[in-house]
Amino acid sequence: MITETRTVFWEDGQVCLIDQRKLPETFEIARYDTYTQVAEAIRVMVVRGAPAIGAAAAFGMAQAAQHSTAQDLAGLHADLAAAANVLRVARPTAVNLSWAVDQMLKYAQESGHSDLALLRQGLLAHAQKIADDDVVINKRIGDHGAALVPDVATVIHHCNTGSLATVLWGTALGVIRSAHMQGKRLHVLVDETRPRLQGAKLTSWELLQLGITHTIIADGASGHFMRRRKVDMCLVGADRIAANGDAANKIGTYNLAIVAREHGVPFYVAAPWSTIDMRLAHGDLIEIEERSSDEVTHINGISIAPHGARAANPAFDVTPHHYISGIITEYGVVRPPYTVSLAQLAARINEGKA
């Protein structure tokens, strides 16, 4: 099954990525030789989804170490810092990117390797660990989230949060996958997710691979379906979550949360702990990436707007915490009030008790 192919992997010195721009028509692995190429692949969305971006950046850092011509530790650290600066800015909203880069820098500083060859090997092994851990973490998220899903359920999902958005399993779509594997009978209403149509192109493709029944709907149709038929829950991912529970996710998520609240539908966010940024007090502090207006005015390179029309294209919006029923992490489901529950979970993690 194609969905068992890792979205991000290392092979023969190259960072290998499923090229998500070409799905669902073509399944293709893109291969990159340098960290600058990896940064560009992140920027143009060859790879997307916060966890997948983080793993790609980690491998990019390993690549920077492999290609560094430094003759001493100070020089190698300087080259890693330069690579980190390039990778961090490729897409600013997803905290997993900067988290993974920081993890690599921390390893380089604290590994204790004085031999450059050993440090280079260690950095590659650490990047591989970040990728491998993502699979384990997401399966744990899936197990925790599946417990929330009724035995027979209709679920609305926004954007793409499956294998393609992670290294393999998925966050919100991973919950759906886990529930399906437990024998629960699901029907997924898949928001098409304008402007890049990640729902229609990617989520539908994954659900077909997994044999999960679903219907693609326009983003603006969610209220209609909640009003006219039973919808049991909304499941979305996140690219960054603030300490108070405000969650940045693909544009349109905020609208979905408001409609879910109006119709009494539980709204859950699924994300690994690495997506939660305890340094940010609230969501208004999250930097929102602005992308090219062409993504709005064109579909697959074909213009759908009058020549000269202007368009705005924020890639993400922030859903205030009071719309979120729970945050599904690898440590369990965190409930409101999030300023308390997230702080308590952070303390348990730091103490090694989570």
Protein backbone atom coordinates (compact mmCIF):
# COMPACT_ATOMS: atom_id res chain seq x y z
CA MET A 1 0.00 0.00 0.00
CA ILE A 2 1.39 3.41 -0.98
CA THR A 3 0.32 4.92 2.38
CA GLU A 4 2.95 2.67 4.03
CA THR A 5 5.70 4.59 2.21
CA ARG A 6 7.29 7.15 4.51
CA THR A 7 6.65 10.74 3.48
CA VAL A 8 10.19 11.69 4.54
CA PHE A 9 13.23 9.40 4.53
CA TRP A 10 17.01 9.33 4.04
CA GLU A 11 18.58 7.27 1.29
CA ASP A 12 22.12 7.32 -0.10
CA GLY A 13 22.87 10.75 1.31
CA GLN A 14 19.69 12.28 -0.08
CA VAL A 15 16.59 13.59 1.66
CA CYS A 16 13.69 11.85 -0.06
CA LEU A 17 10.16 13.29 -0.02
CA ILE A 18 6.86 12.24 -1.52
CA ASP A 19 6.13 15.13 -3.89
CA GLN A 20 2.70 16.16 -2.67
CA ARG A 21 2.25 18.75 -5.40
CA LYS A 22 1.79 15.93 -7.93
CA LEU A 23 -0.77 13.87 -6.03
CA PRO A 24 -3.26 12.39 -6.65
CA GLU A 25 -2.38 12.06 -10.34
CA THR A 26 1.23 10.98 -9.89
CA PHE A 27 3.10 9.30 -7.02
CA GLU A 28 6.70 10.45 -7.17
CA ILE A 29 9.66 10.59 -4.78
CA ALA A 30 11.69 13.81 -5.01
CA ARG A 31 15.33 13.59 -3.91
CA TYR A 32 17.45 16.44 -2.55
CA ASP A 33 21.21 16.69 -2.13
CA THR A 34 21.58 19.81 0.02
CA TYR A 35 19.86 21.50 2.93
CA THR A 36 19.14 24.55 0.77
CA GLN A 37 17.22 22.31 -1.61
CA VAL A 38 15.33 20.81 1.34
CA ALA A 39 14.43 24.31 2.56
CA GLU A 40 13.08 25.19 -0.88
CA ALA A 41 11.11 21.92 -0.99
CA ILE A 42 9.51 22.89 2.31
CA ARG A 43 8.76 26.41 1.06
CA VAL A 44 7.07 25.30 -2.17
CA MET A 45 5.19 22.50 -0.37
CA VAL A 46 6.75 19.44 -1.92
CA VAL A 47 6.45 18.36 1.71
CA ARG A 48 3.83 19.83 4.04
CA GLY A 49 2.26 19.10 7.39
CA ALA A 50 4.01 20.22 10.56
CA PRO A 51 5.49 16.85 11.66
CA ALA A 52 6.67 15.98 8.13
CA ILE A 53 8.27 19.41 7.77
CA GLY A 54 10.06 18.88 11.07
CA ALA A 55 11.50 15.53 9.98
CA ALA A 56 12.58 16.97 6.63
CA ALA A 57 14.33 19.85 8.40
CA ALA A 58 16.13 17.42 10.73
CA PHE A 59 17.46 15.48 7.76
CA GLY A 60 18.40 18.79 6.14
CA MET A 61 20.50 19.61 9.19
CA ALA A 62 22.18 16.20 8.97
CA GLN A 63 22.90 16.94 5.33
CA ALA A 64 24.47 20.27 6.28
CA ALA A 65 26.80 18.42 8.64
CA GLN A 66 27.68 15.82 5.99
CA HIS A 67 28.59 18.48 3.44
CA SER A 68 30.37 20.86 5.79
CA THR A 69 34.04 21.34 4.96
CA ALA A 70 34.83 22.48 8.50
CA GLN A 71 38.06 21.16 10.00
CA ASP A 72 37.12 21.74 13.63
CA LEU A 73 34.08 21.70 15.92
CA ALA A 74 33.69 25.46 15.91
CA GLY A 75 33.51 25.50 12.13
CA LEU A 76 30.98 22.68 12.02
CA HIS A 77 28.81 24.38 14.62
CA ALA A 78 28.94 27.57 12.56
CA ASP A 79 27.86 25.70 9.43
CA LEU A 80 25.00 24.08 11.33
CA ALA A 81 23.87 27.47 12.63
CA ALA A 82 23.86 28.84 9.08
CA ALA A 83 21.79 25.90 7.86
CA ALA A 84 19.40 26.34 10.77
CA ASN A 85 18.76 29.95 9.76
CA VAL A 86 17.89 28.92 6.21
CA LEU A 87 15.62 26.04 7.21
CA ARG A 88 13.75 27.91 9.96
CA VAL A 89 12.38 30.58 7.64
CA ALA A 90 11.16 28.18 4.94
CA ARG A 91 7.70 28.16 6.57
CA PRO A 92 7.37 30.19 9.76
CA THR A 93 4.06 29.05 11.27
CA ALA A 94 4.75 25.33 11.82
CA VAL A 95 6.59 25.11 15.15
CA ASN A 96 7.75 21.55 14.44
CA LEU A 97 10.20 22.94 11.90
CA SER A 98 12.05 25.13 14.40
CA TRP A 99 11.64 22.44 17.08
CA ALA A 100 13.41 19.85 14.93
CA VAL A 101 16.18 22.27 13.96
CA ASP A 102 16.69 23.14 17.64
CA GLN A 103 16.81 19.44 18.51
CA MET A 104 19.61 18.96 16.00
CA LEU A 105 21.54 21.97 17.27
CA LYS A 106 21.12 20.76 20.84
CA TYR A 107 22.46 17.33 19.92
CA ALA A 108 25.47 18.89 18.23
CA GLN A 109 26.24 20.95 21.33
CA GLU A 110 25.59 18.25 23.93
CA SER A 111 26.58 14.97 22.27
CA GLY A 112 30.12 15.10 23.61
CA HIS A 113 31.62 14.07 20.27
CA SER A 114 34.98 15.71 19.68
CA ASP A 115 35.58 13.74 16.50
CA LEU A 116 33.93 15.39 13.49
CA ALA A 117 33.16 12.12 11.73
CA LEU A 118 31.43 10.73 14.82
CA LEU A 119 29.44 13.93 15.25
CA ARG A 120 28.29 13.79 11.64
CA GLN A 121 27.21 10.18 12.09
CA GLY A 122 25.49 11.05 15.34
CA LEU A 123 23.56 13.92 13.75
CA LEU A 124 22.25 11.65 11.01
CA ALA A 125 21.24 9.05 13.59
CA HIS A 126 19.49 11.76 15.61
CA ALA A 127 17.55 12.96 12.55
CA GLN A 128 16.53 9.36 11.91
CA LYS A 129 15.37 9.10 15.53
CA ILE A 130 13.21 12.21 15.12
CA ALA A 131 11.59 10.59 12.07
CA ASP A 132 11.15 7.21 13.75
CA ASP A 133 9.76 8.78 16.92
CA ASP A 134 7.16 10.65 14.87
CA VAL A 135 5.66 7.34 13.72
CA VAL A 136 5.44 6.03 17.28
CA ILE A 137 4.05 9.33 18.61
CA ASN A 138 1.37 9.52 15.95
CA LYS A 139 0.22 5.96 16.56
CA ARG A 140 -0.17 6.86 20.24
CA ILE A 141 -2.19 9.93 19.25
CA GLY A 142 -4.33 7.65 17.10
CA ASP A 143 -4.99 5.29 19.98
CA HIS A 144 -5.94 8.07 22.39
CA GLY A 145 -8.15 9.78 19.82
CA ALA A 146 -9.86 6.59 18.64
CA ALA A 147 -11.32 6.18 22.13
CA LEU A 148 -13.31 9.38 21.53
CA VAL A 149 -14.84 8.14 18.26
CA PRO A 150 -18.27 6.41 18.49
CA ASP A 151 -18.58 2.89 17.04
CA VAL A 152 -20.62 4.37 14.18
CA ALA A 153 -19.64 7.93 13.37
CA THR A 154 -19.65 10.73 10.83
CA VAL A 155 -16.56 12.90 11.15
CA ILE A 156 -15.67 16.19 9.46
CA HIS A 157 -11.98 16.61 8.69
CA HIS A 158 -10.18 19.71 7.40
CA CYS A 159 -7.00 19.84 5.27
CA ASN A 160 -4.71 16.79 5.35
CA THR A 161 -3.31 15.35 8.56
CA GLY A 162 -2.55 11.77 7.54
CA SER A 163 0.60 9.93 6.51
CA LEU A 164 1.41 12.68 4.03
CA ALA A 165 1.45 15.34 6.77
CA THR A 166 3.64 13.26 9.07
CA VAL A 167 6.38 10.70 8.58
CA LEU A 168 3.88 7.86 8.28
CA TRP A 169 0.71 7.52 10.38
CA GLY A 170 -1.00 10.87 10.81
CA THR A 171 -2.47 13.04 13.57
CA ALA A 172 -6.18 13.82 13.13
CA LEU A 173 -6.44 11.49 10.14
CA GLY A 174 -4.33 9.05 12.15
CA VAL A 175 -7.14 9.04 14.75
CA ILE A 176 -9.58 8.17 11.97
CA ARG A 177 -7.21 5.47 10.71
CA SER A 178 -6.82 3.95 14.17
CA ALA A 179 -10.59 3.98 14.78
CA HIS A 180 -11.14 2.31 11.41
CA MET A 181 -8.61 -0.40 12.25
CA GLN A 182 -10.48 -1.03 15.50
CA GLY A 183 -13.54 -1.90 13.45
CA LYS A 184 -15.45 1.33 13.96
CA ARG A 185 -17.71 2.26 11.06
CA LEU A 186 -16.79 5.74 9.91
CA HIS A 187 -17.86 8.10 7.20
CA VAL A 188 -15.61 11.12 6.75
CA LEU A 189 -16.80 14.43 5.34
CA VAL A 190 -13.65 15.81 3.74
CA ASP A 191 -13.39 19.59 3.45
CA GLU A 192 -11.84 20.30 0.05
CA THR A 193 -9.58 22.89 1.78
CA ARG A 194 -9.12 25.87 -0.49
CA PRO A 195 -6.97 27.27 -1.87
CA ARG A 196 -4.56 24.33 -2.37
CA LEU A 197 -7.23 21.61 -2.04
CA GLN A 198 -5.29 19.39 0.34
CA GLY A 199 -8.53 17.74 1.44
CA ALA A 200 -9.80 16.92 -2.04
CA LYS A 201 -6.41 15.93 -3.40
CA LEU A 202 -4.54 14.38 -0.47
CA THR A 203 -6.97 13.34 2.26
CA SER A 204 -9.34 11.71 -0.21
CA TRP A 205 -6.38 9.89 -1.80
CA GLU A 206 -5.27 8.55 1.58
CA LEU A 207 -8.78 7.50 2.61
CA LEU A 208 -9.22 5.62 -0.67
CA GLN A 209 -5.92 3.83 0.00
CA LEU A 210 -7.16 2.88 3.48
CA GLY A 211 -10.64 1.82 2.38
CA ILE A 212 -12.41 4.41 4.54
CA THR A 213 -15.69 5.74 3.13
CA HIS A 214 -15.83 9.49 2.66
CA THR A 215 -17.44 12.36 0.78
CA ILE A 216 -15.62 15.48 -0.37
CA ILE A 217 -17.52 18.67 0.47
CA ALA A 218 -16.88 22.36 -0.19
CA ASP A 219 -15.38 24.15 2.82
CA GLY A 220 -18.51 26.25 3.15
CA ALA A 221 -20.82 23.22 3.23
CA SER A 222 -19.94 22.02 6.75
CA GLY A 223 -22.76 24.01 8.38
CA HIS A 224 -25.28 22.53 5.97
CA PHE A 225 -24.23 18.98 6.82
CA MET A 226 -24.17 19.65 10.57
CA ARG A 227 -27.68 21.11 10.40
CA ARG A 228 -29.19 18.49 8.08
CA ARG A 229 -27.60 15.28 9.34
CA LYS A 230 -25.90 13.90 12.41
CA VAL A 231 -22.21 14.79 12.60
CA ASP A 232 -20.49 13.26 15.59
CA MET A 233 -17.25 15.24 15.72
CA CYS A 234 -14.78 17.45 13.90
CA LEU A 235 -11.12 16.35 13.83
CA VAL A 236 -8.34 18.69 12.71
CA GLY A 237 -4.60 18.99 13.16
CA ALA A 238 -2.46 21.98 14.11
CA ASP A 239 0.77 23.66 13.08
CA ARG A 240 1.27 25.50 16.36
CA ILE A 241 -0.66 25.55 19.64
CA ALA A 242 -0.16 28.29 22.20
CA ALA A 243 0.04 27.77 25.96
CA ASN A 244 -3.61 28.76 26.38
CA GLY A 245 -4.81 26.22 23.81
CA ASP A 246 -5.30 28.58 20.85
CA ALA A 247 -4.46 26.53 17.75
CA ALA A 248 -3.12 27.64 14.38
CA ASN A 249 -4.13 25.35 11.54
CA LYS A 250 -4.90 25.49 7.83
CA ILE A 251 -7.05 28.46 6.85
CA GLY A 252 -10.74 27.63 7.27
CA THR A 253 -10.31 25.75 10.54
CA TYR A 254 -11.58 28.71 12.59
CA ASN A 255 -14.76 28.87 10.47
CA LEU A 256 -15.31 25.14 10.99
CA ALA A 257 -14.88 25.49 14.76
CA ILE A 258 -17.49 28.27 14.95
CA VAL A 259 -20.01 26.25 12.96
CA ALA A 260 -19.30 23.17 15.11
CA ARG A 261 -19.98 25.17 18.29
CA GLU A 262 -23.26 26.49 16.85
CA HIS A 263 -24.45 22.94 16.18
CA GLY A 264 -23.12 21.33 19.36
CA VAL A 265 -20.55 19.18 17.54
CA PRO A 266 -17.36 18.35 19.51
CA PHE A 267 -14.26 19.90 17.94
CA TYR A 268 -10.95 18.14 18.58
CA VAL A 269 -7.40 19.09 17.64
CA ALA A 270 -4.85 16.27 17.27
CA ALA A 271 -1.17 17.15 17.47
CA PRO A 272 2.09 15.90 18.98
CA TRP A 273 3.54 17.65 22.01
CA SER A 274 6.23 19.17 19.75
CA THR A 275 3.47 21.27 18.12
CA ILE A 276 2.58 22.91 21.44
CA ASP A 277 4.58 26.09 21.94
CA MET A 278 4.53 26.84 25.65
CA ARG A 279 6.61 29.98 25.00
CA LEU A 280 3.59 31.69 23.42
CA ALA A 281 0.89 32.89 25.81
CA HIS A 282 -1.86 33.03 23.19
CA GLY A 283 -2.61 32.54 19.51
CA ASP A 284 -2.36 36.19 18.49
CA LEU A 285 1.41 35.82 18.92
CA ILE A 286 1.61 33.10 16.26
CA GLU A 287 3.14 34.30 13.00
CA ILE A 288 0.75 33.60 10.13
CA GLU A 289 2.38 32.74 6.83
CA GLU A 290 1.16 34.74 3.85
CA ARG A 291 1.48 32.87 0.58
CA SER A 292 1.24 33.93 -3.06
CA SER A 293 -2.11 35.29 -4.24
CA ASP A 294 -1.77 33.03 -7.27
CA GLU A 295 -2.81 30.10 -5.09
CA VAL A 296 -6.21 31.78 -4.71
CA THR A 297 -6.65 33.15 -8.22
CA HIS A 298 -5.42 29.99 -9.97
CA ILE A 299 -6.09 26.26 -9.67
CA ASN A 300 -3.47 23.94 -11.16
CA GLY A 301 -2.03 26.92 -13.01
CA ILE A 302 -5.35 27.91 -14.60
CA SER A 303 -6.74 31.34 -13.73
CA ILE A 304 -10.22 31.38 -12.19
CA ALA A 305 -10.30 35.13 -11.47
CA PRO A 306 -10.38 38.21 -13.71
CA HIS A 307 -7.00 39.49 -14.80
CA GLY A 308 -5.80 42.11 -12.34
CA ALA A 309 -7.98 40.90 -9.45
CA ARG A 310 -6.26 41.05 -6.06
CA ALA A 311 -6.35 38.22 -3.55
CA ALA A 312 -5.17 37.68 0.02
CA ASN A 313 -3.81 34.30 0.99
CA PRO A 314 -3.12 33.67 4.69
CA ALA A 315 -2.10 30.00 4.92
CA PHE A 316 -3.40 29.57 8.47
CA ASP A 317 -5.90 30.92 10.94
CA VAL A 318 -6.05 30.65 14.73
CA THR A 319 -8.94 28.90 16.47
CA PRO A 320 -9.47 30.34 19.98
CA HIS A 321 -9.18 27.77 22.75
CA HIS A 322 -12.80 28.08 23.86
CA TYR A 323 -13.94 26.41 20.64
CA ILE A 324 -11.74 23.35 21.22
CA SER A 325 -13.26 20.38 23.07
CA GLY A 326 -9.91 18.68 23.60
CA ILE A 327 -6.34 18.46 22.32
CA ILE A 328 -5.32 14.89 21.49
CA THR A 329 -1.59 14.33 22.16
CA GLU A 330 0.62 11.29 22.50
CA TYR A 331 0.21 11.70 26.27
CA GLY A 332 -3.57 11.60 26.18
CA VAL A 333 -6.43 14.04 25.68
CA VAL A 334 -5.90 17.46 27.25
CA ARG A 335 -9.08 19.26 28.33
CA PRO A 336 -9.95 22.88 29.24
CA PRO A 337 -8.86 25.00 30.98
CA TYR A 338 -5.77 24.68 28.81
CA THR A 339 -3.65 27.22 30.68
CA VAL A 340 -3.82 24.78 33.59
CA SER A 341 -3.88 21.39 31.84
CA LEU A 342 -1.11 22.17 29.34
CA ALA A 343 1.10 23.61 32.08
CA GLN A 344 0.51 20.51 34.20
CA LEU A 345 1.35 18.22 31.30
CA ALA A 346 4.49 20.23 30.53
CA ALA A 347 5.62 19.83 34.12
CA ARG A 348 5.04 16.06 34.04
CA ILE A 349 6.97 15.76 30.78
CA ASN A 350 9.89 17.77 32.16
CA GLU A 351 9.93 15.55 35.26
CA GLY A 352 9.77 12.40 33.14
CA LYS A 353 6.42 11.40 34.63
CA ALA A 354 4.13 11.77 31.59
